[in-house]
Structures are given as C-alpha cells and as structure tokens.
C-alpha cells in the first residue's frame, strides 16, 4: 500500500474503500486498523496518528504471546 506520513503506516484502496494498516516488520505483523471511505479518510488517518504508541504497545504484547 501507499505510505501515509510514515513508512509503516499504509493505505490500500479497493472497491471504493480504503484499508488503513500498520506494518511492523520487526514482528512480521500487519495490523489492520480500519476500513474507511474517502469521505472519512482524513479524519481516520489523523486519529490513527495520535494513537500510534497504543497500537505499537498492543502489537508488542501480541508478538510476545506468539
């Protein structure tokens, strides 16, 4: 997908929708955050960017349990 401000924060368009996801290469995890449409896209991107530390902590916990 296309990077959204950070190399690990990406978007993939399909069928009029957008998948917003984070790629954690150190854990080999792709973390799907949301599926949105064009109208709500910027709001969702801004919200995700404010929560990046929360997502990273969650992924670290998941990776630890694997």
PDB file of N, CA and C in Angstrom:
ATOM      1  N   UNK A   1       0.805  -1.194   0.000  1.00  0.00           N
ATOM      2  CA  UNK A   1       0.000   0.000   0.000  1.00  0.00           C
ATOM      3  C   UNK A   1       0.847   1.256   0.000  1.00  0.00           C
ATOM      4  N   UNK A   2       0.190   2.380  -0.133  1.00  0.00           N
ATOM      5  CA  UNK A   2       0.831   3.696  -0.179  1.00  0.00           C
ATOM      6  C   UNK A   2       1.123   4.187   1.244  1.00  0.00           C
ATOM      7  N   UNK A   3       2.367   4.659   1.530  1.00  0.00           N
ATOM      8  CA  UNK A   3       2.686   5.192   2.855  1.00  0.00           C
ATOM      9  C   UNK A   3       1.877   6.458   3.157  1.00  0.00           C
ATOM     10  N   UNK A   4       1.521   6.632   4.441  1.00  0.00           N
ATOM     11  CA  UNK A   4       0.732   7.788   4.875  1.00  0.00           C
ATOM     12  C   UNK A   4       1.487   8.555   5.966  1.00  0.00           C
ATOM     13  N   UNK A   5       2.551   9.224   5.586  1.00  0.00           N
ATOM     14  CA  UNK A   5       3.299  10.031   6.533  1.00  0.00           C
ATOM     15  C   UNK A   5       4.414   9.284   7.239  1.00  0.00           C
ATOM     16  N   UNK A   6       4.267   7.989   7.398  1.00  0.00           N
ATOM     17  CA  UNK A   6       5.284   7.124   7.986  1.00  0.00           C
ATOM     18  C   UNK A   6       5.417   5.909   7.075  1.00  0.00           C
ATOM     19  N   UNK A   7       6.617   5.369   6.989  1.00  0.00           N
ATOM     20  CA  UNK A   7       6.846   4.208   6.125  1.00  0.00           C
ATOM     21  C   UNK A   7       5.988   3.011   6.551  1.00  0.00           C
ATOM     22  N   UNK A   8       5.724   2.882   7.856  1.00  0.00           N
ATOM     23  CA  UNK A   8       4.992   1.732   8.388  1.00  0.00           C
ATOM     24  C   UNK A   8       3.469   1.930   8.411  1.00  0.00           C
ATOM     25  N   UNK A   9       2.988   3.140   8.152  1.00  0.00           N
ATOM     26  CA  UNK A   9       1.546   3.430   8.144  1.00  0.00           C
ATOM     27  C   UNK A   9       1.112   3.517   6.690  1.00  0.00           C
ATOM     28  N   UNK A  10       0.219   2.624   6.286  1.00  0.00           N
ATOM     29  CA  UNK A  10      -0.114   2.497   4.867  1.00  0.00           C
ATOM     30  C   UNK A  10      -1.616   2.397   4.611  1.00  0.00           C
ATOM     31  N   UNK A  11      -1.929   2.618   3.332  1.00  0.00           N
ATOM     32  CA  UNK A  11      -3.309   2.532   2.870  1.00  0.00           C
ATOM     33  C   UNK A  11      -3.326   1.683   1.605  1.00  0.00           C
ATOM     34  N   UNK A  12      -4.361   0.887   1.462  1.00  0.00           N
ATOM     35  CA  UNK A  12      -4.580   0.118   0.237  1.00  0.00           C
ATOM     36  C   UNK A  12      -6.021   0.354  -0.195  1.00  0.00           C
ATOM     37  N   UNK A  13      -6.193   0.828  -1.424  1.00  0.00           N
ATOM     38  CA  UNK A  13      -7.537   1.087  -1.960  1.00  0.00           C
ATOM     39  C   UNK A  13      -8.079  -0.171  -2.621  1.00  0.00           C
ATOM     40  N   UNK A  14      -9.370  -0.411  -2.417  1.00  0.00           N
ATOM     41  CA  UNK A  14     -10.035  -1.498  -3.116  1.00  0.00           C
ATOM     42  C   UNK A  14     -11.529  -1.229  -3.144  1.00  0.00           C
ATOM     43  N   UNK A  15     -12.121  -1.390  -4.313  1.00  0.00           N
ATOM     44  CA  UNK A  15     -13.572  -1.306  -4.481  1.00  0.00           C
ATOM     45  C   UNK A  15     -14.189  -0.067  -3.813  1.00  0.00           C
ATOM     46  N   UNK A  16     -13.531   1.094  -3.942  1.00  0.00           N
ATOM     47  CA  UNK A  16     -14.066   2.331  -3.385  1.00  0.00           C
ATOM     48  C   UNK A  16     -13.810   2.520  -1.907  1.00  0.00           C
ATOM     49  N   UNK A  17     -13.195   1.572  -1.258  1.00  0.00           N
ATOM     50  CA  UNK A  17     -12.875   1.660   0.175  1.00  0.00           C
ATOM     51  C   UNK A  17     -11.369   1.750   0.349  1.00  0.00           C
ATOM     52  N   UNK A  18     -10.941   2.080   1.573  1.00  0.00           N
ATOM     53  CA  UNK A  18      -9.524   2.173   1.893  1.00  0.00           C
ATOM     54  C   UNK A  18      -9.229   1.402   3.167  1.00  0.00           C
ATOM     55  N   UNK A  19      -8.271   0.492   3.070  1.00  0.00           N
ATOM     56  CA  UNK A  19      -7.767  -0.227   4.241  1.00  0.00           C
ATOM     57  C   UNK A  19      -6.649   0.620   4.830  1.00  0.00           C
ATOM     58  N   UNK A  20      -6.704   0.901   6.109  1.00  0.00           N
ATOM     59  CA  UNK A  20      -5.629   1.613   6.781  1.00  0.00           C
ATOM     60  C   UNK A  20      -4.972   0.625   7.732  1.00  0.00           C
ATOM     61  N   UNK A  21      -3.658   0.456   7.594  1.00  0.00           N
ATOM     62  CA  UNK A  21      -2.976  -0.559   8.383  1.00  0.00           C
ATOM     63  C   UNK A  21      -1.556  -0.137   8.724  1.00  0.00           C
ATOM     64  N   UNK A  22      -0.996  -0.813   9.727  1.00  0.00           N
ATOM     65  CA  UNK A  22       0.364  -0.567  10.178  1.00  0.00           C
ATOM     66  C   UNK A  22       1.187  -1.818   9.927  1.00  0.00           C
ATOM     67  N   UNK A  23       2.415  -1.630   9.465  1.00  0.00           N
ATOM     68  CA  UNK A  23       3.307  -2.753   9.183  1.00  0.00           C
ATOM     69  C   UNK A  23       4.440  -2.718  10.207  1.00  0.00           C
ATOM     70  N   UNK A  24       4.547  -3.782  10.993  1.00  0.00           N
ATOM     71  CA  UNK A  24       5.614  -3.918  11.981  1.00  0.00           C
ATOM     72  C   UNK A  24       6.547  -5.017  11.504  1.00  0.00           C
ATOM     73  N   UNK A  25       7.561  -4.621  10.744  1.00  0.00           N
ATOM     74  CA  UNK A  25       8.471  -5.601  10.140  1.00  0.00           C
ATOM     75  C   UNK A  25       9.268  -6.370  11.177  1.00  0.00           C
ATOM     76  N   UNK A  26       9.609  -5.730  12.310  1.00  0.00           N
ATOM     77  CA  UNK A  26      10.400  -6.425  13.323  1.00  0.00           C
ATOM     78  C   UNK A  26       9.661  -7.623  13.914  1.00  0.00           C
ATOM     79  N   UNK A  27       8.332  -7.582  13.863  1.00  0.00           N
ATOM     80  CA  UNK A  27       7.498  -8.695  14.357  1.00  0.00           C
ATOM     81  C   UNK A  27       6.863  -9.484  13.217  1.00  0.00           C
ATOM     82  N   UNK A  28       7.039  -8.987  11.986  1.00  0.00           N
ATOM     83  CA  UNK A  28       6.391  -9.578  10.815  1.00  0.00           C
ATOM     84  C   UNK A  28       4.865  -9.619  11.005  1.00  0.00           C
ATOM     85  N   UNK A  29       4.325  -8.457  11.398  1.00  0.00           N
ATOM     86  CA  UNK A  29       2.888  -8.308  11.664  1.00  0.00           C
ATOM     87  C   UNK A  29       2.341  -7.145  10.845  1.00  0.00           C
ATOM     88  N   UNK A  30       1.208  -7.369  10.209  1.00  0.00           N
ATOM     89  CA  UNK A  30       0.429  -6.305   9.575  1.00  0.00           C
ATOM     90  C   UNK A  30      -0.823  -6.150  10.430  1.00  0.00           C
ATOM     91  N   UNK A  31      -1.000  -4.954  10.975  1.00  0.00           N
ATOM     92  CA  UNK A  31      -2.079  -4.682  11.928  1.00  0.00           C
ATOM     93  C   UNK A  31      -3.140  -3.826  11.232  1.00  0.00           C
ATOM     94  N   UNK A  32      -4.266  -4.427  10.872  1.00  0.00           N
ATOM     95  CA  UNK A  32      -5.359  -3.705  10.223  1.00  0.00           C
ATOM     96  C   UNK A  32      -6.063  -2.835  11.256  1.00  0.00           C
ATOM     97  N   UNK A  33      -6.136  -1.542  10.970  1.00  0.00           N
ATOM     98  CA  UNK A  33      -6.759  -0.612  11.901  1.00  0.00           C
ATOM     99  C   UNK A  33      -8.223  -0.377  11.537  1.00  0.00           C
ATOM    100  N   UNK A  34      -8.494  -0.023  10.280  1.00  0.00           N
ATOM    101  CA  UNK A  34      -9.879   0.262   9.894  1.00  0.00           C
ATOM    102  C   UNK A  34     -10.047   0.174   8.386  1.00  0.00           C
ATOM    103  N   UNK A  35     -11.284   0.087   7.980  1.00  0.00           N
ATOM    104  CA  UNK A  35     -11.682   0.214   6.580  1.00  0.00           C
ATOM    105  C   UNK A  35     -12.572   1.445   6.522  1.00  0.00           C
ATOM    106  N   UNK A  36     -12.252   2.363   5.622  1.00  0.00           N
ATOM    107  CA  UNK A  36     -12.984   3.630   5.569  1.00  0.00           C
ATOM    108  C   UNK A  36     -13.296   3.990   4.120  1.00  0.00           C
ATOM    109  N   UNK A  37     -14.072   5.038   3.956  1.00  0.00           N
ATOM    110  CA  UNK A  37     -14.319   5.554   2.610  1.00  0.00           C
ATOM    111  C   UNK A  37     -13.583   6.888   2.475  1.00  0.00           C
ATOM    112  N   UNK A  38     -13.607   7.436   1.304  1.00  0.00           N
ATOM    113  CA  UNK A  38     -12.875   8.675   1.019  1.00  0.00           C
ATOM    114  C   UNK A  38     -13.336   9.822   1.921  1.00  0.00           C
ATOM    115  N   UNK A  39     -14.622   9.877   2.206  1.00  0.00           N
ATOM    116  CA  UNK A  39     -15.187  10.979   2.981  1.00  0.00           C
ATOM    117  C   UNK A  39     -14.588  11.055   4.392  1.00  0.00           C
ATOM    118  N   UNK A  40     -14.415   9.912   5.039  1.00  0.00           N
ATOM    119  CA  UNK A  40     -13.914   9.870   6.419  1.00  0.00           C
ATOM    120  C   UNK A  40     -12.414   9.609   6.497  1.00  0.00           C
ATOM    121  N   UNK A  41     -11.764   9.465   5.371  1.00  0.00           N
ATOM    122  CA  UNK A  41     -10.366   9.045   5.327  1.00  0.00           C
ATOM    123  C   UNK A  41      -9.438   9.938   6.150  1.00  0.00           C
ATOM    124  N   UNK A  42      -9.457  11.240   5.950  1.00  0.00           N
ATOM    125  CA  UNK A  42      -8.519  12.115   6.646  1.00  0.00           C
ATOM    126  C   UNK A  42      -8.743  12.107   8.153  1.00  0.00           C
ATOM    127  N   UNK A  43      -9.991  12.082   8.564  1.00  0.00           N
ATOM    128  CA  UNK A  43     -10.293  12.012   9.997  1.00  0.00           C
ATOM    129  C   UNK A  43      -9.697  10.748  10.603  1.00  0.00           C
ATOM    130  N   UNK A  44      -9.870   9.624   9.937  1.00  0.00           N
ATOM    131  CA  UNK A  44      -9.350   8.350  10.427  1.00  0.00           C
ATOM    132  C   UNK A  44      -7.820   8.357  10.466  1.00  0.00           C
ATOM    133  N   UNK A  45      -7.186   8.900   9.445  1.00  0.00           N
ATOM    134  CA  UNK A  45      -5.717   8.984   9.397  1.00  0.00           C
ATOM    135  C   UNK A  45      -5.214   9.814  10.572  1.00  0.00           C
ATOM    136  N   UNK A  46      -5.819  10.964  10.804  1.00  0.00           N
ATOM    137  CA  UNK A  46      -5.403  11.830  11.909  1.00  0.00           C
ATOM    138  C   UNK A  46      -5.581  11.134  13.254  1.00  0.00           C
ATOM    139  N   UNK A  47      -6.681  10.424  13.431  1.00  0.00           N
ATOM    140  CA  UNK A  47      -6.950   9.709  14.672  1.00  0.00           C
ATOM    141  C   UNK A  47      -5.922   8.599  14.898  1.00  0.00           C
ATOM    142  N   UNK A  48      -5.623   7.846  13.864  1.00  0.00           N
ATOM    143  CA  UNK A  48      -4.642   6.762  13.967  1.00  0.00           C
ATOM    144  C   UNK A  48      -3.277   7.323  14.345  1.00  0.00           C
ATOM    145  N   UNK A  49      -2.878   8.427  13.733  1.00  0.00           N
ATOM    146  CA  UNK A  49      -1.571   9.017  14.027  1.00  0.00           C
ATOM    147  C   UNK A  49      -1.451   9.426  15.495  1.00  0.00           C
ATOM    148  N   UNK A  50      -2.549   9.809  16.123  1.00  0.00           N
ATOM    149  CA  UNK A  50      -2.494  10.173  17.544  1.00  0.00           C
ATOM    150  C   UNK A  50      -2.394   8.948  18.449  1.00  0.00           C
ATOM    151  N   UNK A  51      -2.687   7.770  17.924  1.00  0.00           N
ATOM    152  CA  UNK A  51      -2.709   6.544  18.726  1.00  0.00           C
ATOM    153  C   UNK A  51      -1.588   5.557  18.365  1.00  0.00           C
ATOM    154  N   UNK A  52      -0.572   5.996  17.629  1.00  0.00           N
ATOM    155  CA  UNK A  52       0.471   5.078  17.173  1.00  0.00           C
ATOM    156  C   UNK A  52       1.159   4.354  18.326  1.00  0.00           C
ATOM    157  N   UNK A  53       1.374   5.041  19.444  1.00  0.00           N
ATOM    158  CA  UNK A  53       2.030   4.394  20.583  1.00  0.00           C
ATOM    159  C   UNK A  53       1.164   3.294  21.180  1.00  0.00           C
ATOM    160  N   UNK A  54      -0.134   3.485  21.188  1.00  0.00           N
ATOM    161  CA  UNK A  54      -1.068   2.467  21.695  1.00  0.00           C
ATOM    162  C   UNK A  54      -1.041   1.236  20.795  1.00  0.00           C
ATOM    163  N   UNK A  55      -1.062   1.446  19.488  1.00  0.00           N
ATOM    164  CA  UNK A  55      -1.009   0.321  18.551  1.00  0.00           C
ATOM    165  C   UNK A  55       0.295  -0.447  18.677  1.00  0.00           C
ATOM    166  N   UNK A  56       1.411   0.285  18.818  1.00  0.00           N
ATOM    167  CA  UNK A  56       2.711  -0.377  18.941  1.00  0.00           C
ATOM    168  C   UNK A  56       2.762  -1.226  20.214  1.00  0.00           C
ATOM    169  N   UNK A  57       2.264  -0.699  21.303  1.00  0.00           N
ATOM    170  CA  UNK A  57       2.222  -1.446  22.558  1.00  0.00           C
ATOM    171  C   UNK A  57       1.372  -2.714  22.408  1.00  0.00           C
ATOM    172  N   UNK A  58       0.236  -2.596  21.735  1.00  0.00           N
ATOM    173  CA  UNK A  58      -0.638  -3.734  21.501  1.00  0.00           C
ATOM    174  C   UNK A  58       0.062  -4.800  20.652  1.00  0.00           C
ATOM    175  N   UNK A  59       0.720  -4.374  19.591  1.00  0.00           N
ATOM    176  CA  UNK A  59       1.429  -5.309  18.725  1.00  0.00           C
ATOM    177  C   UNK A  59       2.570  -5.984  19.482  1.00  0.00           C
ATOM    178  N   UNK A  60       3.285  -5.226  20.302  1.00  0.00           N
ATOM    179  CA  UNK A  60       4.361  -5.821  21.094  1.00  0.00           C
ATOM    180  C   UNK A  60       3.825  -6.905  22.034  1.00  0.00           C
ATOM    181  N   UNK A  61       2.670  -6.669  22.644  1.00  0.00           N
ATOM    182  CA  UNK A  61       2.051  -7.685  23.510  1.00  0.00           C
ATOM    183  C   UNK A  61       1.641  -8.924  22.714  1.00  0.00           C
ATOM    184  N   UNK A  62       1.064  -8.701  21.541  1.00  0.00           N
ATOM    185  CA  UNK A  62       0.651  -9.817  20.692  1.00  0.00           C
ATOM    186  C   UNK A  62       1.876 -10.640  20.274  1.00  0.00           C
ATOM    187  N   UNK A  63       2.928  -9.956  19.850  1.00  0.00           N
ATOM    188  CA  UNK A  63       4.136 -10.645  19.382  1.00  0.00           C
ATOM    189  C   UNK A  63       4.780 -11.427  20.522  1.00  0.00           C
ATOM    190  N   UNK A  64       4.744 -10.905  21.712  1.00  0.00           N
ATOM    191  CA  UNK A  64       5.319 -11.571  22.870  1.00  0.00           C
ATOM    192  C   UNK A  64       4.596 -12.889  23.180  1.00  0.00           C
ATOM    193  N   UNK A  65       3.286 -12.891  22.939  1.00  0.00           N
ATOM    194  CA  UNK A  65       2.468 -14.069  23.224  1.00  0.00           C
ATOM    195  C   UNK A  65       2.535 -15.141  22.127  1.00  0.00           C
ATOM    196  N   UNK A  66       3.134 -14.820  20.997  1.00  0.00           N
ATOM    197  CA  UNK A  66       3.197 -15.801  19.901  1.00  0.00           C
ATOM    198  C   UNK A  66       4.238 -16.865  20.160  1.00  0.00           C
TER     199      UNK A  66
END
